[in-house]
Amino acid sequence: MTTATYTADLPAQSGWLSRAEAWLDQRGKGAWIAAMVLGFIFFWPVGLALLAYMIWSKRMFNKSCRSGTHSHRRHAFAAMKPSGNTAFDAYKAETLRRLQDEQEAFESFLQRLRDAKDKAEFDQFMDDREKRAADEARETEQA
């Protein structure tokens, strides 16, 4: 990655501290915690300063880590609620029904495809087995 991605939303004259903060912000709370732990390991006042900064700037207690897991469920349930517009709700219900029918048809197609492949593999196995049995019978007769 280049530094252009880190400084895209920073002023042109930003210092290394601002760039480091933006870089850590892009990576989330885990990067801040890792930086704090490394600060404590290498020089404890740096770790303490990072901890104080994280608490003071509210980075330590924001809900960014928890919101990612529940937001998908929340949006999925919100999609099922009626919008209040009956024409749109009818269109949405018809589209969802059509998509579900297409998904079921595709899954049945895939199942038929798997069954055909399994049958072809089994038929090949049985042909090979019969051929081996015939070869062994011929070898026994010749011996």
N, C-alpha and C. Protein backbone atom coordinates (compact mmCIF):
# COMPACT_ATOMS: atom_id res chain seq x y z
N MET A 1 0.84 -1.18 0.00
CA MET A 1 0.00 0.00 0.00
C MET A 1 0.88 1.24 0.00
N THR A 2 0.37 2.29 -0.52
CA THR A 2 1.14 3.52 -0.58
C THR A 2 0.63 4.50 0.46
N THR A 3 1.43 5.54 0.72
CA THR A 3 1.01 6.52 1.70
C THR A 3 -0.10 7.40 1.18
N ALA A 4 -0.35 7.37 -0.13
CA ALA A 4 -1.43 8.17 -0.69
C ALA A 4 -2.78 7.73 -0.15
N THR A 5 -2.93 6.44 0.15
CA THR A 5 -4.20 5.97 0.67
C THR A 5 -4.41 6.43 2.11
N TYR A 6 -3.32 6.63 2.84
CA TYR A 6 -3.46 7.03 4.23
C TYR A 6 -3.72 8.52 4.36
N THR A 7 -3.24 9.28 3.45
CA THR A 7 -3.32 10.74 3.58
C THR A 7 -4.39 11.34 2.68
N ALA A 8 -5.27 10.53 2.12
CA ALA A 8 -6.24 11.03 1.17
C ALA A 8 -7.18 12.05 1.80
N ASP A 9 -7.57 11.84 3.08
CA ASP A 9 -8.49 12.77 3.70
C ASP A 9 -7.80 13.68 4.71
N LEU A 10 -6.48 13.79 4.64
CA LEU A 10 -5.72 14.67 5.52
C LEU A 10 -5.26 15.90 4.74
N PRO A 11 -5.04 17.00 5.43
CA PRO A 11 -4.48 18.17 4.74
C PRO A 11 -3.08 17.87 4.20
N ALA A 12 -2.67 18.66 3.23
CA ALA A 12 -1.37 18.43 2.59
C ALA A 12 -0.22 18.59 3.57
N GLN A 13 -0.34 19.45 4.56
CA GLN A 13 0.73 19.74 5.51
C GLN A 13 0.61 18.91 6.79
N SER A 14 -0.10 17.81 6.78
CA SER A 14 -0.26 17.02 8.01
C SER A 14 1.06 16.36 8.38
N GLY A 15 1.27 16.24 9.68
CA GLY A 15 2.51 15.66 10.17
C GLY A 15 2.42 14.15 10.29
N TRP A 16 3.51 13.57 10.73
CA TRP A 16 3.57 12.12 10.85
C TRP A 16 2.61 11.62 11.92
N LEU A 17 2.33 12.43 12.94
CA LEU A 17 1.42 12.01 13.99
C LEU A 17 -0.02 11.93 13.45
N SER A 18 -0.41 12.89 12.64
CA SER A 18 -1.75 12.88 12.03
C SER A 18 -1.89 11.71 11.05
N ARG A 19 -0.83 11.46 10.29
CA ARG A 19 -0.88 10.33 9.36
C ARG A 19 -0.95 9.00 10.12
N ALA A 20 -0.22 8.89 11.22
CA ALA A 20 -0.26 7.66 12.02
C ALA A 20 -1.65 7.46 12.62
N GLU A 21 -2.25 8.55 13.08
CA GLU A 21 -3.60 8.46 13.64
C GLU A 21 -4.60 8.02 12.57
N ALA A 22 -4.51 8.59 11.39
CA ALA A 22 -5.40 8.21 10.29
C ALA A 22 -5.17 6.75 9.89
N TRP A 23 -3.92 6.32 9.88
CA TRP A 23 -3.60 4.94 9.53
C TRP A 23 -4.21 3.98 10.54
N LEU A 24 -4.09 4.30 11.84
CA LEU A 24 -4.67 3.44 12.87
C LEU A 24 -6.19 3.47 12.80
N ASP A 25 -6.78 4.62 12.50
CA ASP A 25 -8.23 4.72 12.39
C ASP A 25 -8.77 3.85 11.26
N GLN A 26 -8.02 3.76 10.17
CA GLN A 26 -8.46 2.93 9.05
C GLN A 26 -8.50 1.46 9.45
N ARG A 27 -7.64 1.05 10.32
CA ARG A 27 -7.57 -0.35 10.71
C ARG A 27 -8.46 -0.71 11.89
N GLY A 28 -9.02 0.27 12.57
CA GLY A 28 -10.00 0.00 13.61
C GLY A 28 -9.42 -0.05 15.01
N LYS A 29 -10.30 -0.45 15.92
CA LYS A 29 -9.95 -0.45 17.35
C LYS A 29 -8.83 -1.44 17.66
N GLY A 30 -8.78 -2.55 16.95
CA GLY A 30 -7.73 -3.55 17.20
C GLY A 30 -6.34 -2.99 16.97
N ALA A 31 -6.20 -2.14 15.95
CA ALA A 31 -4.89 -1.54 15.67
C ALA A 31 -4.50 -0.58 16.80
N TRP A 32 -5.47 0.16 17.31
CA TRP A 32 -5.18 1.07 18.42
C TRP A 32 -4.74 0.29 19.66
N ILE A 33 -5.43 -0.81 19.93
CA ILE A 33 -5.08 -1.62 21.10
C ILE A 33 -3.70 -2.26 20.92
N ALA A 34 -3.42 -2.74 19.71
CA ALA A 34 -2.10 -3.33 19.44
C ALA A 34 -1.00 -2.27 19.61
N ALA A 35 -1.25 -1.06 19.12
CA ALA A 35 -0.25 0.01 19.28
C ALA A 35 -0.04 0.33 20.76
N MET A 36 -1.13 0.34 21.52
CA MET A 36 -1.01 0.62 22.96
C MET A 36 -0.21 -0.47 23.66
N VAL A 37 -0.50 -1.73 23.35
CA VAL A 37 0.22 -2.84 23.98
C VAL A 37 1.70 -2.78 23.62
N LEU A 38 1.99 -2.53 22.33
CA LEU A 38 3.40 -2.40 21.93
C LEU A 38 4.06 -1.22 22.62
N GLY A 39 3.31 -0.15 22.81
CA GLY A 39 3.85 1.00 23.54
C GLY A 39 4.22 0.62 24.97
N PHE A 40 3.35 -0.15 25.64
CA PHE A 40 3.67 -0.59 26.99
C PHE A 40 4.88 -1.53 27.01
N ILE A 41 5.00 -2.36 25.99
CA ILE A 41 6.12 -3.32 25.95
C ILE A 41 7.44 -2.60 25.75
N PHE A 42 7.50 -1.68 24.79
CA PHE A 42 8.78 -1.05 24.47
C PHE A 42 9.13 0.11 25.40
N PHE A 43 8.15 0.95 25.74
CA PHE A 43 8.43 2.10 26.61
C PHE A 43 7.11 2.48 27.26
N TRP A 44 6.94 2.13 28.55
CA TRP A 44 5.65 2.22 29.19
C TRP A 44 4.99 3.60 29.13
N PRO A 45 5.72 4.74 29.13
CA PRO A 45 5.00 6.01 29.03
C PRO A 45 4.26 6.19 27.68
N VAL A 46 4.80 5.57 26.61
CA VAL A 46 4.12 5.66 25.32
C VAL A 46 2.80 4.90 25.38
N GLY A 47 2.82 3.72 25.97
CA GLY A 47 1.59 2.95 26.11
C GLY A 47 0.57 3.67 26.97
N LEU A 48 1.04 4.30 28.04
CA LEU A 48 0.15 5.06 28.92
C LEU A 48 -0.42 6.27 28.18
N ALA A 49 0.40 6.93 27.39
CA ALA A 49 -0.08 8.08 26.62
C ALA A 49 -1.12 7.64 25.59
N LEU A 50 -0.89 6.51 24.92
CA LEU A 50 -1.87 6.01 23.96
C LEU A 50 -3.17 5.62 24.64
N LEU A 51 -3.08 5.01 25.83
CA LEU A 51 -4.29 4.65 26.57
C LEU A 51 -5.07 5.90 26.95
N ALA A 52 -4.37 6.92 27.45
CA ALA A 52 -5.04 8.17 27.83
C ALA A 52 -5.68 8.82 26.60
N TYR A 53 -4.98 8.82 25.48
CA TYR A 53 -5.53 9.42 24.26
C TYR A 53 -6.76 8.65 23.77
N MET A 54 -6.71 7.30 23.86
CA MET A 54 -7.85 6.51 23.41
C MET A 54 -9.07 6.77 24.29
N ILE A 55 -8.87 6.91 25.58
CA ILE A 55 -9.99 7.20 26.48
C ILE A 55 -10.49 8.61 26.25
N TRP A 56 -9.59 9.57 26.14
CA TRP A 56 -9.97 10.98 25.98
C TRP A 56 -10.70 11.21 24.65
N SER A 57 -10.26 10.56 23.57
CA SER A 57 -10.88 10.77 22.27
C SER A 57 -12.05 9.83 22.02
N LYS A 58 -12.44 9.06 23.03
CA LYS A 58 -13.57 8.13 22.96
C LYS A 58 -13.35 6.98 21.97
N ARG A 59 -12.13 6.69 21.61
CA ARG A 59 -11.84 5.57 20.72
C ARG A 59 -11.94 4.23 21.46
N MET A 60 -11.73 4.26 22.76
CA MET A 60 -11.72 3.03 23.53
C MET A 60 -13.13 2.46 23.71
N PHE A 61 -14.12 3.33 23.85
CA PHE A 61 -15.44 2.85 24.23
C PHE A 61 -16.49 3.03 23.14
N ASN A 62 -16.07 3.29 21.90
CA ASN A 62 -17.07 3.39 20.83
C ASN A 62 -17.57 2.01 20.48
N LYS A 63 -18.70 1.92 19.83
CA LYS A 63 -19.34 0.63 19.57
C LYS A 63 -19.02 0.12 18.17
N SER A 64 -17.91 0.54 17.59
CA SER A 64 -17.60 0.14 16.20
C SER A 64 -17.40 -1.36 16.08
N CYS A 65 -16.86 -2.02 17.09
CA CYS A 65 -16.63 -3.46 16.99
C CYS A 65 -17.93 -4.24 17.09
N ARG A 66 -18.86 -3.76 17.91
CA ARG A 66 -20.10 -4.49 18.08
C ARG A 66 -21.10 -4.21 16.97
N SER A 67 -21.04 -3.07 16.35
CA SER A 67 -22.06 -2.72 15.36
C SER A 67 -21.93 -3.53 14.08
N GLY A 68 -20.75 -4.02 13.75
CA GLY A 68 -20.56 -4.76 12.51
C GLY A 68 -21.28 -6.09 12.48
N THR A 69 -21.36 -6.78 13.62
CA THR A 69 -21.96 -8.10 13.61
C THR A 69 -23.47 -8.03 13.60
N HIS A 70 -24.06 -7.05 14.25
CA HIS A 70 -25.50 -6.97 14.33
C HIS A 70 -26.11 -6.14 13.21
N SER A 71 -25.32 -5.33 12.55
CA SER A 71 -25.89 -4.45 11.54
C SER A 71 -26.46 -5.23 10.36
N HIS A 72 -25.83 -6.35 9.99
CA HIS A 72 -26.34 -7.14 8.88
C HIS A 72 -27.70 -7.73 9.22
N ARG A 73 -27.85 -8.22 10.45
CA ARG A 73 -29.14 -8.77 10.85
C ARG A 73 -30.20 -7.69 10.89
N ARG A 74 -29.83 -6.54 11.40
CA ARG A 74 -30.78 -5.44 11.51
C ARG A 74 -31.26 -5.03 10.12
N HIS A 75 -30.35 -4.95 9.15
CA HIS A 75 -30.74 -4.57 7.80
C HIS A 75 -31.59 -5.66 7.14
N ALA A 76 -31.31 -6.91 7.44
CA ALA A 76 -32.08 -8.00 6.85
C ALA A 76 -33.52 -7.96 7.35
N PHE A 77 -33.71 -7.72 8.65
CA PHE A 77 -35.06 -7.64 9.18
C PHE A 77 -35.77 -6.38 8.69
N ALA A 78 -35.04 -5.29 8.51
CA ALA A 78 -35.65 -4.06 8.01
C ALA A 78 -36.13 -4.24 6.58
N ALA A 79 -35.50 -5.10 5.81
CA ALA A 79 -35.92 -5.34 4.43
C ALA A 79 -37.26 -6.06 4.38
N MET A 80 -37.60 -6.80 5.41
CA MET A 80 -38.85 -7.55 5.41
C MET A 80 -40.04 -6.71 5.88
N LYS A 81 -39.80 -5.59 6.54
CA LYS A 81 -40.90 -4.76 7.01
C LYS A 81 -41.57 -4.06 5.84
N PRO A 82 -42.89 -3.87 5.92
CA PRO A 82 -43.56 -3.14 4.83
C PRO A 82 -43.14 -1.68 4.82
N SER A 83 -43.08 -1.12 3.61
CA SER A 83 -42.63 0.26 3.47
C SER A 83 -43.76 1.26 3.61
N GLY A 84 -45.01 0.80 3.50
CA GLY A 84 -46.14 1.72 3.53
C GLY A 84 -46.67 2.00 2.14
N ASN A 85 -45.89 1.77 1.12
CA ASN A 85 -46.31 1.95 -0.26
C ASN A 85 -46.76 0.59 -0.77
N THR A 86 -48.07 0.44 -0.99
CA THR A 86 -48.61 -0.88 -1.34
C THR A 86 -48.11 -1.37 -2.69
N ALA A 87 -47.92 -0.49 -3.64
CA ALA A 87 -47.43 -0.91 -4.95
C ALA A 87 -46.01 -1.44 -4.83
N PHE A 88 -45.17 -0.74 -4.08
CA PHE A 88 -43.80 -1.20 -3.89
C PHE A 88 -43.76 -2.50 -3.11
N ASP A 89 -44.59 -2.60 -2.06
CA ASP A 89 -44.62 -3.83 -1.27
C ASP A 89 -45.05 -5.02 -2.11
N ALA A 90 -46.02 -4.84 -3.01
CA ALA A 90 -46.46 -5.92 -3.90
C ALA A 90 -45.34 -6.30 -4.86
N TYR A 91 -44.65 -5.30 -5.41
CA TYR A 91 -43.52 -5.56 -6.31
C TYR A 91 -42.42 -6.31 -5.58
N LYS A 92 -42.12 -5.87 -4.35
CA LYS A 92 -41.05 -6.51 -3.57
C LYS A 92 -41.42 -7.96 -3.26
N ALA A 93 -42.69 -8.21 -2.86
CA ALA A 93 -43.12 -9.57 -2.55
C ALA A 93 -43.05 -10.46 -3.79
N GLU A 94 -43.49 -9.93 -4.95
CA GLU A 94 -43.44 -10.70 -6.19
C GLU A 94 -42.00 -10.99 -6.60
N THR A 95 -41.12 -10.01 -6.46
CA THR A 95 -39.72 -10.20 -6.82
C THR A 95 -39.06 -11.22 -5.90
N LEU A 96 -39.34 -11.14 -4.60
CA LEU A 96 -38.76 -12.11 -3.66
C LEU A 96 -39.28 -13.52 -3.94
N ARG A 97 -40.58 -13.64 -4.27
CA ARG A 97 -41.13 -14.95 -4.59
C ARG A 97 -40.48 -15.50 -5.86
N ARG A 98 -40.32 -14.65 -6.88
CA ARG A 98 -39.69 -15.07 -8.13
C ARG A 98 -38.24 -15.50 -7.90
N LEU A 99 -37.52 -14.74 -7.09
CA LEU A 99 -36.12 -15.09 -6.79
C LEU A 99 -36.04 -16.40 -6.03
N GLN A 100 -36.98 -16.62 -5.11
CA GLN A 100 -36.97 -17.87 -4.36
C GLN A 100 -37.27 -19.04 -5.29
N ASP A 101 -38.23 -18.87 -6.23
CA ASP A 101 -38.52 -19.92 -7.21
C ASP A 101 -37.30 -20.22 -8.07
N GLU A 102 -36.62 -19.16 -8.51
CA GLU A 102 -35.41 -19.36 -9.32
C GLU A 102 -34.32 -20.07 -8.53
N GLN A 103 -34.20 -19.72 -7.25
CA GLN A 103 -33.19 -20.37 -6.41
C GLN A 103 -33.51 -21.86 -6.25
N GLU A 104 -34.79 -22.18 -6.03
CA GLU A 104 -35.18 -23.58 -5.89
C GLU A 104 -34.94 -24.35 -7.18
N ALA A 105 -35.26 -23.72 -8.33
CA ALA A 105 -35.03 -24.38 -9.62
C ALA A 105 -33.54 -24.61 -9.85
N PHE A 106 -32.71 -23.62 -9.49
CA PHE A 106 -31.27 -23.76 -9.66
C PHE A 106 -30.72 -24.85 -8.74
N GLU A 107 -31.21 -24.89 -7.49
CA GLU A 107 -30.73 -25.92 -6.57
C GLU A 107 -31.13 -27.31 -7.05
N SER A 108 -32.34 -27.44 -7.61
CA SER A 108 -32.75 -28.76 -8.13
C SER A 108 -31.90 -29.12 -9.36
N PHE A 109 -31.57 -28.12 -10.19
CA PHE A 109 -30.68 -28.37 -11.33
C PHE A 109 -29.32 -28.86 -10.85
N LEU A 110 -28.77 -28.19 -9.82
CA LEU A 110 -27.48 -28.62 -9.28
C LEU A 110 -27.56 -30.03 -8.71
N GLN A 111 -28.68 -30.36 -8.07
CA GLN A 111 -28.83 -31.71 -7.51
C GLN A 111 -28.87 -32.75 -8.63
N ARG A 112 -29.61 -32.44 -9.72
CA ARG A 112 -29.65 -33.36 -10.87
C ARG A 112 -28.27 -33.50 -11.48
N LEU A 113 -27.52 -32.40 -11.53
CA LEU A 113 -26.17 -32.44 -12.08
C LEU A 113 -25.26 -33.32 -11.21
N ARG A 114 -25.37 -33.15 -9.89
CA ARG A 114 -24.57 -34.00 -8.97
C ARG A 114 -24.96 -35.46 -9.12
N ASP A 115 -26.27 -35.72 -9.22
CA ASP A 115 -26.73 -37.11 -9.36
C ASP A 115 -26.20 -37.73 -10.66
N ALA A 116 -26.23 -36.97 -11.75
CA ALA A 116 -25.72 -37.48 -13.02
C ALA A 116 -24.22 -37.75 -12.93
N LYS A 117 -23.49 -36.85 -12.26
CA LYS A 117 -22.05 -37.05 -12.11
C LYS A 117 -21.78 -38.29 -11.26
N ASP A 118 -22.54 -38.44 -10.16
CA ASP A 118 -22.36 -39.62 -9.31
C ASP A 118 -22.66 -40.90 -10.08
N LYS A 119 -23.72 -40.89 -10.88
CA LYS A 119 -24.08 -42.08 -11.66
C LYS A 119 -22.98 -42.40 -12.67
N ALA A 120 -22.45 -41.36 -13.33
CA ALA A 120 -21.38 -41.59 -14.30
C ALA A 120 -20.14 -42.16 -13.62
N GLU A 121 -19.79 -41.64 -12.45
CA GLU A 121 -18.63 -42.15 -11.72
C GLU A 121 -18.88 -43.59 -11.27
N PHE A 122 -20.09 -43.89 -10.81
CA PHE A 122 -20.40 -45.26 -10.37
C PHE A 122 -20.36 -46.22 -11.56
N ASP A 123 -20.94 -45.79 -12.69
CA ASP A 123 -20.90 -46.65 -13.88
C ASP A 123 -19.46 -46.90 -14.31
N GLN A 124 -18.61 -45.89 -14.25
CA GLN A 124 -17.19 -46.05 -14.60
C GLN A 124 -16.52 -47.03 -13.64
N PHE A 125 -16.83 -46.91 -12.35
CA PHE A 125 -16.27 -47.82 -11.35
C PHE A 125 -16.69 -49.25 -11.64
N MET A 126 -17.98 -49.44 -11.93
CA MET A 126 -18.48 -50.79 -12.19
C MET A 126 -17.85 -51.36 -13.47
N ASP A 127 -17.69 -50.54 -14.51
CA ASP A 127 -17.05 -51.01 -15.74
C ASP A 127 -15.60 -51.41 -15.48
N ASP A 128 -14.88 -50.60 -14.71
CA ASP A 128 -13.48 -50.92 -14.37
C ASP A 128 -13.40 -52.20 -13.55
N ARG A 129 -14.33 -52.37 -12.64
CA ARG A 129 -14.34 -53.56 -11.78
C ARG A 129 -14.63 -54.81 -12.62
N GLU A 130 -15.59 -54.67 -13.53
CA GLU A 130 -15.91 -55.81 -14.40
C GLU A 130 -14.74 -56.15 -15.32
N LYS A 131 -14.05 -55.13 -15.81
CA LYS A 131 -12.90 -55.35 -16.68
C LYS A 131 -11.76 -56.03 -15.91
N ARG A 132 -11.53 -55.58 -14.65
CA ARG A 132 -10.49 -56.22 -13.83
C ARG A 132 -10.84 -57.67 -13.54
N ALA A 133 -12.12 -57.92 -13.26
CA ALA A 133 -12.54 -59.30 -12.97
C ALA A 133 -12.35 -60.18 -14.21
N ALA A 134 -12.66 -59.64 -15.39
CA ALA A 134 -12.48 -60.41 -16.62
C ALA A 134 -11.00 -60.65 -16.88
N ASP A 135 -10.14 -59.65 -16.65
CA ASP A 135 -8.70 -59.83 -16.83
C ASP A 135 -8.14 -60.86 -15.87
N GLU A 136 -8.58 -60.84 -14.62
CA GLU A 136 -8.10 -61.82 -13.64
C GLU A 136 -8.57 -63.24 -14.03
N ALA A 137 -9.80 -63.32 -14.54
CA ALA A 137 -10.31 -64.65 -14.95
C ALA A 137 -9.49 -65.17 -16.12
N ARG A 138 -9.14 -64.31 -17.08
CA ARG A 138 -8.32 -64.72 -18.21
C ARG A 138 -6.94 -65.15 -17.76
N GLU A 139 -6.35 -64.41 -16.83
CA GLU A 139 -5.01 -64.77 -16.32
C GLU A 139 -5.05 -66.11 -15.59
N THR A 140 -6.11 -66.37 -14.87
CA THR A 140 -6.21 -67.65 -14.14
C THR A 140 -6.38 -68.81 -15.11
N GLU A 141 -7.12 -68.57 -16.20
CA GLU A 141 -7.29 -69.64 -17.20
C GLU A 141 -5.97 -69.95 -17.92
N GLN A 142 -5.18 -68.90 -18.17
CA GLN A 142 -3.91 -69.10 -18.87
C GLN A 142 -2.86 -69.76 -17.98
N ALA A 143 -2.98 -69.62 -16.72
CA ALA A 143 -1.97 -70.16 -15.81
C ALA A 143 -2.17 -71.60 -15.51
